[in-house]
Amino acid sequence: MASPPSRRLELGELRSLVVAADSGTIGRAALRLHVSQPTLSKRLQSIEQHVGARLFERSQQGVALTPAGRRLYEHAKPLIAAADALEEVAAGLARQAAPVRLAASHSATEAFVAEALADHDGVAVELLTANSQVVRTLVGENRADMGVAAARPGATPNPAVRELTLAADAIVCAVPRSHPWAGRRRIARAEFLRTPMVVRDRSSNARWTVDAVLRRARLEAAPPLVEAPTPGAAKRQALARDAPLLLSRHVLSSSFAEVEIDGLRFDREYRLVLPAAGEPQAAVRTIEELLRAAVAAWPSRAS
């Protein structure tokens, strides 16, 4: 009576046998398994030595299973399929357990992102707020699964991300209700240019949008009254100083009145930022739907 094997066959060995049999040649099987041909040949020989039987007929045309090899193959094939299915389930559980890492610009967070996520508990979300360029970097470097950023027309695209339009936006001039301009629907361009205002810092997209429009028109605004790091800080400064400010239309509160400027518009977009390669996970698509529903609920504004 033959003595029992001294060890058990490993899953990797069984996978090698199955792939070699399905591929028909050691070369094709080695490519599928990401190993060298000599390595795979030695692995198959080791299996044959372990079971004490020849499993493959080898020829110039390739390899074919012997009766003993066919018997082992028929038991190994479903084991490999089950192992692959188990790996897919485990990977899915890991994706579901991990929160979606969402990076959003300061104004986007205040305008609609935070509200879109507030009443939804179906998908866990880790929200990080930064300026729009940092949002793109985070997504491009896989430190965020998705992002919401303001568009920056004319800027060099980040090749690591792709962008989809979410909503139209504009940087507007607004004043506290107590300001003399509050009763006026429009101011002259010259009056706008000579008036110091509360603006965002130079790293922000809001500031870049305004500066880009003025630069193209060869115009120069008065030095800022205050440079604020966030929309909330800008609004607090404007109210405290009873001063005009330049900010996204969608983050203004009822404490402010929007004032049009003759001959000047500072239009932009909010965009969904995704990795350049691959398709988004189901959880990411769910968050995208929430964001789109939030901006669809915005009241329409006449141009």
C-alpha atoms as a PDB file:
ATOM      1  CA  MET A   1       0.000   0.000   0.000  1.00  0.00           C
ATOM      2  CA  ALA A   2       1.291   3.427  -0.962  1.00  0.00           C
ATOM      3  CA  SER A   3       2.067   5.770   1.890  1.00  0.00           C
ATOM      4  CA  PRO A   4      -0.023   8.987   2.082  1.00  0.00           C
ATOM      5  CA  PRO A   5       1.499  12.177   0.673  1.00  0.00           C
ATOM      6  CA  SER A   6       3.714  14.046   3.123  1.00  0.00           C
ATOM      7  CA  ARG A   7       2.029  17.348   2.379  1.00  0.00           C
ATOM      8  CA  ARG A   8      -1.145  18.775   0.882  1.00  0.00           C
ATOM      9  CA  LEU A   9      -1.315  20.311  -2.585  1.00  0.00           C
ATOM     10  CA  GLU A  10      -1.459  24.083  -2.413  1.00  0.00           C
ATOM     11  CA  LEU A  11      -4.050  26.187  -4.201  1.00  0.00           C
ATOM     12  CA  GLY A  12      -1.344  27.812  -6.331  1.00  0.00           C
ATOM     13  CA  GLU A  13      -0.194  24.416  -7.549  1.00  0.00           C
ATOM     14  CA  LEU A  14      -3.718  23.408  -8.481  1.00  0.00           C
ATOM     15  CA  ARG A  15      -4.186  26.723 -10.306  1.00  0.00           C
ATOM     16  CA  SER A  16      -1.004  26.048 -12.292  1.00  0.00           C
ATOM     17  CA  LEU A  17      -2.306  22.632 -13.343  1.00  0.00           C
ATOM     18  CA  VAL A  18      -5.714  24.032 -14.374  1.00  0.00           C
ATOM     19  CA  VAL A  19      -4.289  26.963 -16.310  1.00  0.00           C
ATOM     20  CA  ALA A  20      -1.730  24.762 -18.080  1.00  0.00           C
ATOM     21  CA  ALA A  21      -4.449  22.317 -19.098  1.00  0.00           C
ATOM     22  CA  ASP A  22      -6.783  25.089 -20.285  1.00  0.00           C
ATOM     23  CA  SER A  23      -4.023  26.955 -22.151  1.00  0.00           C
ATOM     24  CA  GLY A  24      -2.608  23.939 -23.966  1.00  0.00           C
ATOM     25  CA  THR A  25       0.988  25.195 -23.826  1.00  0.00           C
ATOM     26  CA  ILE A  26       3.396  26.015 -21.030  1.00  0.00           C
ATOM     27  CA  GLY A  27       4.196  29.355 -22.664  1.00  0.00           C
ATOM     28  CA  ARG A  28       0.599  30.617 -22.736  1.00  0.00           C
ATOM     29  CA  ALA A  29      -0.014  29.317 -19.219  1.00  0.00           C
ATOM     30  CA  ALA A  30       3.108  31.058 -17.911  1.00  0.00           C
ATOM     31  CA  LEU A  31       1.909  34.359 -19.381  1.00  0.00           C
ATOM     32  CA  ARG A  32      -1.493  33.982 -17.728  1.00  0.00           C
ATOM     33  CA  LEU A  33       0.108  33.130 -14.392  1.00  0.00           C
ATOM     34  CA  HIS A  34       2.755  35.887 -14.653  1.00  0.00           C
ATOM     35  CA  VAL A  35       5.652  33.463 -14.150  1.00  0.00           C
ATOM     36  CA  SER A  36       8.496  32.244 -16.372  1.00  0.00           C
ATOM     37  CA  GLN A  37       8.174  29.056 -18.409  1.00  0.00           C
ATOM     38  CA  PRO A  38      10.973  27.281 -16.474  1.00  0.00           C
ATOM     39  CA  THR A  39       9.289  28.180 -13.184  1.00  0.00           C
ATOM     40  CA  LEU A  40       5.952  26.790 -14.344  1.00  0.00           C
ATOM     41  CA  SER A  41       7.577  23.620 -15.749  1.00  0.00           C
ATOM     42  CA  LYS A  42       9.293  22.945 -12.421  1.00  0.00           C
ATOM     43  CA  ARG A  43       6.043  23.557 -10.559  1.00  0.00           C
ATOM     44  CA  LEU A  44       4.171  21.019 -12.716  1.00  0.00           C
ATOM     45  CA  GLN A  45       6.964  18.478 -12.326  1.00  0.00           C
ATOM     46  CA  SER A  46       6.796  18.977  -8.554  1.00  0.00           C
ATOM     47  CA  ILE A  47       3.059  18.216  -8.595  1.00  0.00           C
ATOM     48  CA  GLU A  48       3.677  15.038 -10.593  1.00  0.00           C
ATOM     49  CA  GLN A  49       6.358  13.937  -8.131  1.00  0.00           C
ATOM     50  CA  HIS A  50       4.027  14.696  -5.239  1.00  0.00           C
ATOM     51  CA  VAL A  51       1.110  12.620  -6.546  1.00  0.00           C
ATOM     52  CA  GLY A  52       3.373   9.909  -8.003  1.00  0.00           C
ATOM     53  CA  ALA A  53       1.819  10.010 -11.479  1.00  0.00           C
ATOM     54  CA  ARG A  54       2.409  11.690 -14.833  1.00  0.00           C
ATOM     55  CA  LEU A  55      -0.244  14.350 -15.320  1.00  0.00           C
ATOM     56  CA  PHE A  56       0.688  15.783 -18.740  1.00  0.00           C
ATOM     57  CA  GLU A  57       1.717  14.418 -22.106  1.00  0.00           C
ATOM     58  CA  ARG A  58       4.301  16.861 -23.461  1.00  0.00           C
ATOM     59  CA  SER A  59       5.009  17.393 -27.171  1.00  0.00           C
ATOM     60  CA  GLN A  60       6.158  20.095 -29.566  1.00  0.00           C
ATOM     61  CA  GLN A  61       2.515  21.102 -29.955  1.00  0.00           C
ATOM     62  CA  GLY A  62       2.054  21.697 -26.201  1.00  0.00           C
ATOM     63  CA  VAL A  63       0.691  19.757 -23.268  1.00  0.00           C
ATOM     64  CA  ALA A  64      -2.349  17.503 -22.823  1.00  0.00           C
ATOM     65  CA  LEU A  65      -3.746  15.870 -19.719  1.00  0.00           C
ATOM     66  CA  THR A  66      -3.166  12.169 -19.049  1.00  0.00           C
ATOM     67  CA  PRO A  67      -6.056  10.166 -17.542  1.00  0.00           C
ATOM     68  CA  ALA A  68      -4.551  10.795 -14.085  1.00  0.00           C
ATOM     69  CA  GLY A  69      -4.169  14.471 -14.895  1.00  0.00           C
ATOM     70  CA  ARG A  70      -7.781  14.665 -16.119  1.00  0.00           C
ATOM     71  CA  ARG A  71      -9.003  13.172 -12.840  1.00  0.00           C
ATOM     72  CA  LEU A  72      -7.061  15.693 -10.758  1.00  0.00           C
ATOM     73  CA  TYR A  73      -8.097  18.553 -13.101  1.00  0.00           C
ATOM     74  CA  GLU A  74     -11.807  17.766 -12.695  1.00  0.00           C
ATOM     75  CA  HIS A  75     -11.500  18.103  -8.930  1.00  0.00           C
ATOM     76  CA  ALA A  76      -9.206  21.151  -9.035  1.00  0.00           C
ATOM     77  CA  LYS A  77     -11.233  23.201 -11.531  1.00  0.00           C
ATOM     78  CA  PRO A  78     -14.243  23.871  -9.240  1.00  0.00           C
ATOM     79  CA  LEU A  79     -11.915  24.558  -6.310  1.00  0.00           C
ATOM     80  CA  ILE A  80     -10.157  27.311  -8.288  1.00  0.00           C
ATOM     81  CA  ALA A  81     -13.496  28.791  -9.408  1.00  0.00           C
ATOM     82  CA  ALA A  82     -14.748  28.816  -5.818  1.00  0.00           C
ATOM     83  CA  ALA A  83     -11.530  30.443  -4.589  1.00  0.00           C
ATOM     84  CA  ASP A  84     -11.824  33.178  -7.241  1.00  0.00           C
ATOM     85  CA  ALA A  85     -15.454  33.800  -6.297  1.00  0.00           C
ATOM     86  CA  LEU A  86     -14.448  34.029  -2.632  1.00  0.00           C
ATOM     87  CA  GLU A  87     -11.783  36.630  -3.490  1.00  0.00           C
ATOM     88  CA  GLU A  88     -14.368  38.729  -5.339  1.00  0.00           C
ATOM     89  CA  VAL A  89     -16.725  38.599  -2.373  1.00  0.00           C
ATOM     90  CA  ALA A  90     -13.931  39.579   0.020  1.00  0.00           C
ATOM     91  CA  ALA A  91     -12.890  42.478  -2.206  1.00  0.00           C
ATOM     92  CA  GLY A  92     -16.492  43.662  -2.418  1.00  0.00           C
ATOM     93  CA  LEU A  93     -16.878  43.552   1.348  1.00  0.00           C
ATOM     94  CA  ALA A  94     -13.712  45.611   1.741  1.00  0.00           C
ATOM     95  CA  ARG A  95     -14.998  48.224  -0.705  1.00  0.00           C
ATOM     96  CA  GLN A  96     -18.361  48.404   1.034  1.00  0.00           C
ATOM     97  CA  ALA A  97     -16.795  48.693   4.475  1.00  0.00           C
ATOM     98  CA  ALA A  98     -14.430  51.501   3.489  1.00  0.00           C
ATOM     99  CA  PRO A  99     -15.965  54.986   3.236  1.00  0.00           C
ATOM    100  CA  VAL A 100     -15.954  56.840  -0.058  1.00  0.00           C
ATOM    101  CA  ARG A 101     -13.194  59.443   0.174  1.00  0.00           C
ATOM    102  CA  LEU A 102     -14.731  62.634  -1.212  1.00  0.00           C
ATOM    103  CA  ALA A 103     -12.624  65.774  -1.627  1.00  0.00           C
ATOM    104  CA  ALA A 104     -14.543  68.983  -2.270  1.00  0.00           C
ATOM    105  CA  SER A 105     -13.637  72.628  -2.666  1.00  0.00           C
ATOM    106  CA  HIS A 106     -14.578  75.045   0.119  1.00  0.00           C
ATOM    107  CA  SER A 107     -17.333  76.710  -1.888  1.00  0.00           C
ATOM    108  CA  ALA A 108     -18.710  73.435  -3.274  1.00  0.00           C
ATOM    109  CA  THR A 109     -18.904  72.019   0.249  1.00  0.00           C
ATOM    110  CA  GLU A 110     -20.805  75.030   1.466  1.00  0.00           C
ATOM    111  CA  ALA A 111     -22.961  75.368  -1.636  1.00  0.00           C
ATOM    112  CA  PHE A 112     -24.299  71.816  -1.955  1.00  0.00           C
ATOM    113  CA  VAL A 113     -21.943  68.958  -1.019  1.00  0.00           C
ATOM    114  CA  ALA A 114     -22.514  69.017   2.746  1.00  0.00           C
ATOM    115  CA  GLU A 115     -26.269  69.291   2.297  1.00  0.00           C
ATOM    116  CA  ALA A 116     -26.358  66.482  -0.275  1.00  0.00           C
ATOM    117  CA  LEU A 117     -24.653  64.139   2.188  1.00  0.00           C
ATOM    118  CA  ALA A 118     -26.482  65.240   5.338  1.00  0.00           C
ATOM    119  CA  ASP A 119     -29.600  63.081   5.056  1.00  0.00           C
ATOM    120  CA  HIS A 120     -28.019  60.040   3.430  1.00  0.00           C
ATOM    121  CA  ASP A 121     -26.808  57.098   5.488  1.00  0.00           C
ATOM    122  CA  GLY A 122     -26.615  54.416   2.788  1.00  0.00           C
ATOM    123  CA  VAL A 123     -22.957  55.037   1.925  1.00  0.00           C
ATOM    124  CA  ALA A 124     -20.231  56.036   4.381  1.00  0.00           C
ATOM    125  CA  VAL A 125     -18.379  59.152   3.208  1.00  0.00           C
ATOM    126  CA  GLU A 126     -15.148  60.693   4.428  1.00  0.00           C
ATOM    127  CA  LEU A 127     -15.274  64.371   3.384  1.00  0.00           C
ATOM    128  CA  LEU A 128     -12.112  66.419   2.961  1.00  0.00           C
ATOM    129  CA  THR A 129     -12.315  70.123   2.134  1.00  0.00           C
ATOM    130  CA  ALA A 130      -9.544  71.869   0.201  1.00  0.00           C
ATOM    131  CA  ASN A 131      -9.130  74.304  -2.667  1.00  0.00           C
ATOM    132  CA  SER A 132      -9.998  73.068  -6.149  1.00  0.00           C
ATOM    133  CA  GLN A 133      -6.448  72.387  -7.311  1.00  0.00           C
ATOM    134  CA  VAL A 134      -5.717  70.328  -4.209  1.00  0.00           C
ATOM    135  CA  VAL A 135      -8.938  68.374  -4.839  1.00  0.00           C
ATOM    136  CA  ARG A 136      -7.655  67.392  -8.287  1.00  0.00           C
ATOM    137  CA  THR A 137      -4.302  66.370  -6.844  1.00  0.00           C
ATOM    138  CA  LEU A 138      -5.921  64.209  -4.157  1.00  0.00           C
ATOM    139  CA  VAL A 139      -8.019  62.342  -6.731  1.00  0.00           C
ATOM    140  CA  GLY A 140      -5.116  62.032  -9.167  1.00  0.00           C
ATOM    141  CA  GLU A 141      -2.861  60.555  -6.463  1.00  0.00           C
ATOM    142  CA  ASN A 142      -5.576  58.124  -5.290  1.00  0.00           C
ATOM    143  CA  ARG A 143      -5.861  59.859  -1.924  1.00  0.00           C
ATOM    144  CA  ALA A 144      -9.529  60.532  -2.710  1.00  0.00           C
ATOM    145  CA  ASP A 145     -12.010  58.372  -4.651  1.00  0.00           C
ATOM    146  CA  MET A 146     -13.808  61.363  -6.168  1.00  0.00           C
ATOM    147  CA  GLY A 147     -13.849  65.129  -5.940  1.00  0.00           C
ATOM    148  CA  VAL A 148     -15.904  68.251  -6.559  1.00  0.00           C
ATOM    149  CA  ALA A 149     -13.964  71.254  -7.798  1.00  0.00           C
ATOM    150  CA  ALA A 150     -14.530  74.497  -9.609  1.00  0.00           C
ATOM    151  CA  ALA A 151     -13.417  74.676 -13.231  1.00  0.00           C
ATOM    152  CA  ARG A 152     -10.330  76.599 -14.171  1.00  0.00           C
ATOM    153  CA  PRO A 153     -10.570  77.288 -17.939  1.00  0.00           C
ATOM    154  CA  GLY A 154      -7.229  77.644 -19.659  1.00  0.00           C
ATOM    155  CA  ALA A 155      -5.312  75.852 -16.919  1.00  0.00           C
ATOM    156  CA  THR A 156      -3.092  72.878 -17.786  1.00  0.00           C
ATOM    157  CA  PRO A 157      -5.257  69.739 -17.368  1.00  0.00           C
ATOM    158  CA  ASN A 158      -4.257  67.173 -14.772  1.00  0.00           C
ATOM    159  CA  PRO A 159      -3.735  63.968 -16.820  1.00  0.00           C
ATOM    160  CA  ALA A 160      -4.460  61.785 -13.788  1.00  0.00           C
ATOM    161  CA  VAL A 161      -8.119  62.866 -13.581  1.00  0.00           C
ATOM    162  CA  ARG A 162     -11.169  63.334 -15.764  1.00  0.00           C
ATOM    163  CA  GLU A 163     -13.851  65.943 -15.119  1.00  0.00           C
ATOM    164  CA  LEU A 164     -17.619  65.961 -15.659  1.00  0.00           C
ATOM    165  CA  THR A 165     -19.797  69.057 -15.432  1.00  0.00           C
ATOM    166  CA  LEU A 166     -22.020  69.160 -12.355  1.00  0.00           C
ATOM    167  CA  ALA A 167     -23.478  72.679 -12.386  1.00  0.00           C
ATOM    168  CA  ALA A 168     -23.028  76.197 -13.650  1.00  0.00           C
ATOM    169  CA  ASP A 169     -21.795  78.778 -11.167  1.00  0.00           C
ATOM    170  CA  ALA A 170     -20.546  82.360 -11.138  1.00  0.00           C
ATOM    171  CA  ILE A 171     -18.446  84.546  -8.895  1.00  0.00           C
ATOM    172  CA  VAL A 172     -20.598  87.585  -8.156  1.00  0.00           C
ATOM    173  CA  CYS A 173     -20.295  90.897  -6.411  1.00  0.00           C
ATOM    174  CA  ALA A 174     -22.527  91.035  -3.320  1.00  0.00           C
ATOM    175  CA  VAL A 175     -22.961  93.443  -0.448  1.00  0.00           C
ATOM    176  CA  PRO A 176     -24.527  93.320   3.043  1.00  0.00           C
ATOM    177  CA  ARG A 177     -28.118  94.512   3.114  1.00  0.00           C
ATOM    178  CA  SER A 178     -27.001  97.643   4.976  1.00  0.00           C
ATOM    179  CA  HIS A 179     -24.527  98.679   2.244  1.00  0.00           C
ATOM    180  CA  PRO A 180     -25.437 101.636  -0.050  1.00  0.00           C
ATOM    181  CA  TRP A 181     -25.209  99.346  -3.097  1.00  0.00           C
ATOM    182  CA  ALA A 182     -27.857  96.990  -1.714  1.00  0.00           C
ATOM    183  CA  GLY A 183     -30.660  99.070  -3.233  1.00  0.00           C
ATOM    184  CA  ARG A 184     -29.041  99.091  -6.663  1.00  0.00           C
ATOM    185  CA  ARG A 185     -29.324  96.257  -9.154  1.00  0.00           C
ATOM    186  CA  ARG A 186     -26.227  97.303 -11.086  1.00  0.00           C
ATOM    187  CA  ILE A 187     -23.023  99.310 -10.674  1.00  0.00           C
ATOM    188  CA  ALA A 188     -20.717 100.791 -13.259  1.00  0.00           C
ATOM    189  CA  ARG A 189     -17.578  98.904 -14.135  1.00  0.00           C
ATOM    190  CA  ALA A 190     -15.374 101.839 -13.123  1.00  0.00           C
ATOM    191  CA  GLU A 191     -17.019 101.969  -9.687  1.00  0.00           C
ATOM    192  CA  PHE A 192     -16.433  98.243  -9.242  1.00  0.00           C
ATOM    193  CA  LEU A 193     -12.763  98.490 -10.229  1.00  0.00           C
ATOM    194  CA  ARG A 194     -11.926 101.323  -7.831  1.00  0.00           C
ATOM    195  CA  THR A 195     -13.656  99.809  -4.787  1.00  0.00           C
ATOM    196  CA  PRO A 196     -11.579  97.638  -2.389  1.00  0.00           C
ATOM    197  CA  MET A 197     -13.456  94.412  -1.653  1.00  0.00           C
ATOM    198  CA  VAL A 198     -13.339  91.268   0.419  1.00  0.00           C
ATOM    199  CA  VAL A 199     -11.972  88.519  -1.849  1.00  0.00           C
ATOM    200  CA  ARG A 200     -10.747  84.948  -1.540  1.00  0.00           C
ATOM    201  CA  ASP A 201      -7.047  84.146  -1.194  1.00  0.00           C
ATOM    202  CA  ARG A 202      -4.892  83.770  -4.311  1.00  0.00           C
ATOM    203  CA  SER A 203      -4.884  79.961  -4.190  1.00  0.00           C
ATOM    204  CA  SER A 204      -8.668  79.789  -4.545  1.00  0.00           C
ATOM    205  CA  ASN A 205     -10.510  79.185  -7.793  1.00  0.00           C
ATOM    206  CA  ALA A 206     -12.864  82.086  -7.049  1.00  0.00           C
ATOM    207  CA  ARG A 207      -9.953  84.507  -6.986  1.00  0.00           C
ATOM    208  CA  TRP A 208      -8.385  82.940 -10.087  1.00  0.00           C
ATOM    209  CA  THR A 209     -11.684  83.227 -12.015  1.00  0.00           C
ATOM    210  CA  VAL A 210     -12.035  86.941 -11.305  1.00  0.00           C
ATOM    211  CA  ASP A 211      -8.381  87.715 -11.988  1.00  0.00           C
ATOM    212  CA  ALA A 212      -8.464  85.778 -15.276  1.00  0.00           C
ATOM    213  CA  VAL A 213     -11.474  87.733 -16.582  1.00  0.00           C
ATOM    214  CA  LEU A 214      -9.934  91.065 -15.600  1.00  0.00           C
ATOM    215  CA  ARG A 215      -6.588  90.102 -17.120  1.00  0.00           C
ATOM    216  CA  ARG A 216      -8.191  89.150 -20.457  1.00  0.00           C
ATOM    217  CA  ALA A 217     -10.032  92.493 -20.490  1.00  0.00           C
ATOM    218  CA  ARG A 218      -6.802  94.324 -19.516  1.00  0.00           C
ATOM    219  CA  LEU A 219      -8.441  95.711 -16.415  1.00  0.00           C
ATOM    220  CA  GLU A 220      -7.052  96.090 -12.904  1.00  0.00           C
ATOM    221  CA  ALA A 221      -9.088  96.074  -9.705  1.00  0.00           C
ATOM    222  CA  ALA A 222      -8.320  97.999  -6.547  1.00  0.00           C
ATOM    223  CA  PRO A 223      -6.150  96.179  -3.971  1.00  0.00           C
ATOM    224  CA  PRO A 224      -8.245  93.800  -1.844  1.00  0.00           C
ATOM    225  CA  LEU A 225      -9.736  95.028   1.381  1.00  0.00           C
ATOM    226  CA  VAL A 226      -9.332  91.529   2.887  1.00  0.00           C
ATOM    227  CA  GLU A 227      -8.145  88.179   1.484  1.00  0.00           C
ATOM    228  CA  ALA A 228     -10.166  85.402   3.147  1.00  0.00           C
ATOM    229  CA  PRO A 229      -9.154  81.722   3.229  1.00  0.00           C
ATOM    230  CA  THR A 230     -12.718  80.327   3.008  1.00  0.00           C
ATOM    231  CA  PRO A 231     -16.166  81.490   1.823  1.00  0.00           C
ATOM    232  CA  GLY A 232     -17.386  81.585   5.419  1.00  0.00           C
ATOM    233  CA  ALA A 233     -14.514  83.835   6.463  1.00  0.00           C
ATOM    234  CA  ALA A 234     -15.160  86.114   3.482  1.00  0.00           C
ATOM    235  CA  LYS A 235     -18.810  86.551   4.440  1.00  0.00           C
ATOM    236  CA  ARG A 236     -17.959  87.285   8.070  1.00  0.00           C
ATOM    237  CA  GLN A 237     -15.433  89.928   7.034  1.00  0.00           C
ATOM    238  CA  ALA A 238     -17.864  91.559   4.593  1.00  0.00           C
ATOM    239  CA  LEU A 239     -20.599  91.769   7.226  1.00  0.00           C
ATOM    240  CA  ALA A 240     -18.220  93.085   9.887  1.00  0.00           C
ATOM    241  CA  ARG A 241     -16.869  95.779   7.548  1.00  0.00           C
ATOM    242  CA  ASP A 242     -20.123  96.446   5.653  1.00  0.00           C
ATOM    243  CA  ALA A 243     -18.091  95.906   2.490  1.00  0.00           C
ATOM    244  CA  PRO A 244     -18.629  94.347  -0.954  1.00  0.00           C
ATOM    245  CA  LEU A 245     -17.285  90.864  -1.562  1.00  0.00           C
ATOM    246  CA  LEU A 246     -16.649  88.573  -4.522  1.00  0.00           C
ATOM    247  CA  LEU A 247     -17.888  85.043  -3.936  1.00  0.00           C
ATOM    248  CA  SER A 248     -19.710  82.117  -5.509  1.00  0.00           C
ATOM    249  CA  ARG A 249     -23.365  82.933  -6.066  1.00  0.00           C
ATOM    250  CA  HIS A 250     -24.424  79.671  -4.440  1.00  0.00           C
ATOM    251  CA  VAL A 251     -22.806  80.296  -1.068  1.00  0.00           C
ATOM    252  CA  LEU A 252     -24.419  83.689  -0.432  1.00  0.00           C
ATOM    253  CA  SER A 253     -26.957  83.924   2.365  1.00  0.00           C
ATOM    254  CA  SER A 254     -30.006  86.163   2.721  1.00  0.00           C
ATOM    255  CA  SER A 255     -27.780  88.692   4.520  1.00  0.00           C
ATOM    256  CA  PHE A 256     -26.363  89.716   1.130  1.00  0.00           C
ATOM    257  CA  ALA A 257     -27.688  91.350  -2.014  1.00  0.00           C
ATOM    258  CA  GLU A 258     -26.164  90.515  -5.388  1.00  0.00           C
ATOM    259  CA  VAL A 259     -25.120  93.473  -7.546  1.00  0.00           C
ATOM    260  CA  GLU A 260     -24.460  93.175 -11.294  1.00  0.00           C
ATOM    261  CA  ILE A 261     -21.429  94.860 -12.854  1.00  0.00           C
ATOM    262  CA  ASP A 262     -21.691  96.616 -16.220  1.00  0.00           C
ATOM    263  CA  GLY A 263     -19.848  94.609 -18.850  1.00  0.00           C
ATOM    264  CA  LEU A 264     -18.312  92.019 -16.496  1.00  0.00           C
ATOM    265  CA  ARG A 265     -19.255  88.412 -15.692  1.00  0.00           C
ATOM    266  CA  PHE A 266     -17.222  85.839 -13.789  1.00  0.00           C
ATOM    267  CA  ASP A 267     -18.793  82.547 -14.904  1.00  0.00           C
ATOM    268  CA  ARG A 268     -17.434  79.110 -14.021  1.00  0.00           C
ATOM    269  CA  GLU A 269     -18.591  75.517 -13.392  1.00  0.00           C
ATOM    270  CA  TYR A 270     -18.580  73.001 -10.607  1.00  0.00           C
ATOM    271  CA  ARG A 271     -17.171  69.695 -11.846  1.00  0.00           C
ATOM    272  CA  LEU A 272     -17.090  66.121 -10.664  1.00  0.00           C
ATOM    273  CA  VAL A 273     -13.465  64.913 -10.569  1.00  0.00           C
ATOM    274  CA  LEU A 274     -12.747  61.197 -11.069  1.00  0.00           C
ATOM    275  CA  PRO A 275      -9.586  59.164 -11.669  1.00  0.00           C
ATOM    276  CA  ALA A 276      -8.616  59.131 -15.345  1.00  0.00           C
ATOM    277  CA  ALA A 277      -8.537  55.323 -15.499  1.00  0.00           C
ATOM    278  CA  GLY A 278     -11.130  52.775 -14.445  1.00  0.00           C
ATOM    279  CA  GLU A 279     -14.838  52.885 -13.792  1.00  0.00           C
ATOM    280  CA  PRO A 280     -16.278  54.320 -10.554  1.00  0.00           C
ATOM    281  CA  GLN A 281     -17.501  51.946  -7.860  1.00  0.00           C
ATOM    282  CA  ALA A 282     -21.214  51.664  -7.138  1.00  0.00           C
ATOM    283  CA  ALA A 283     -20.787  53.738  -3.954  1.00  0.00           C
ATOM    284  CA  VAL A 284     -19.110  56.529  -5.937  1.00  0.00           C
ATOM    285  CA  ARG A 285     -21.969  56.504  -8.460  1.00  0.00           C
ATOM    286  CA  THR A 286     -24.437  56.766  -5.572  1.00  0.00           C
ATOM    287  CA  ILE A 287     -22.659  59.867  -4.249  1.00  0.00           C
ATOM    288  CA  GLU A 288     -22.609  61.354  -7.758  1.00  0.00           C
ATOM    289  CA  GLU A 289     -26.393  60.901  -7.991  1.00  0.00           C
ATOM    290  CA  LEU A 290     -26.842  62.674  -4.640  1.00  0.00           C
ATOM    291  CA  LEU A 291     -24.686  65.582  -5.782  1.00  0.00           C
ATOM    292  CA  ARG A 292     -26.535  65.922  -9.086  1.00  0.00           C
ATOM    293  CA  ALA A 293     -29.883  65.837  -7.309  1.00  0.00           C
ATOM    294  CA  ALA A 294     -28.706  68.617  -4.977  1.00  0.00           C
ATOM    295  CA  VAL A 295     -27.678  70.983  -7.787  1.00  0.00           C
ATOM    296  CA  ALA A 296     -30.806  70.146  -9.805  1.00  0.00           C
ATOM    297  CA  ALA A 297     -32.838  71.523  -6.897  1.00  0.00           C
ATOM    298  CA  TRP A 298     -31.186  74.948  -7.131  1.00  0.00           C
ATOM    299  CA  PRO A 299     -33.585  77.725  -8.148  1.00  0.00           C
ATOM    300  CA  SER A 300     -33.033  78.912 -11.704  1.00  0.00           C
ATOM    301  CA  ARG A 301     -31.575  82.397 -12.108  1.00  0.00           C
ATOM    302  CA  ALA A 302     -32.024  84.665 -15.058  1.00  0.00           C
ATOM    303  CA  SER A 303     -28.848  85.674 -16.863  1.00  0.00           C
END
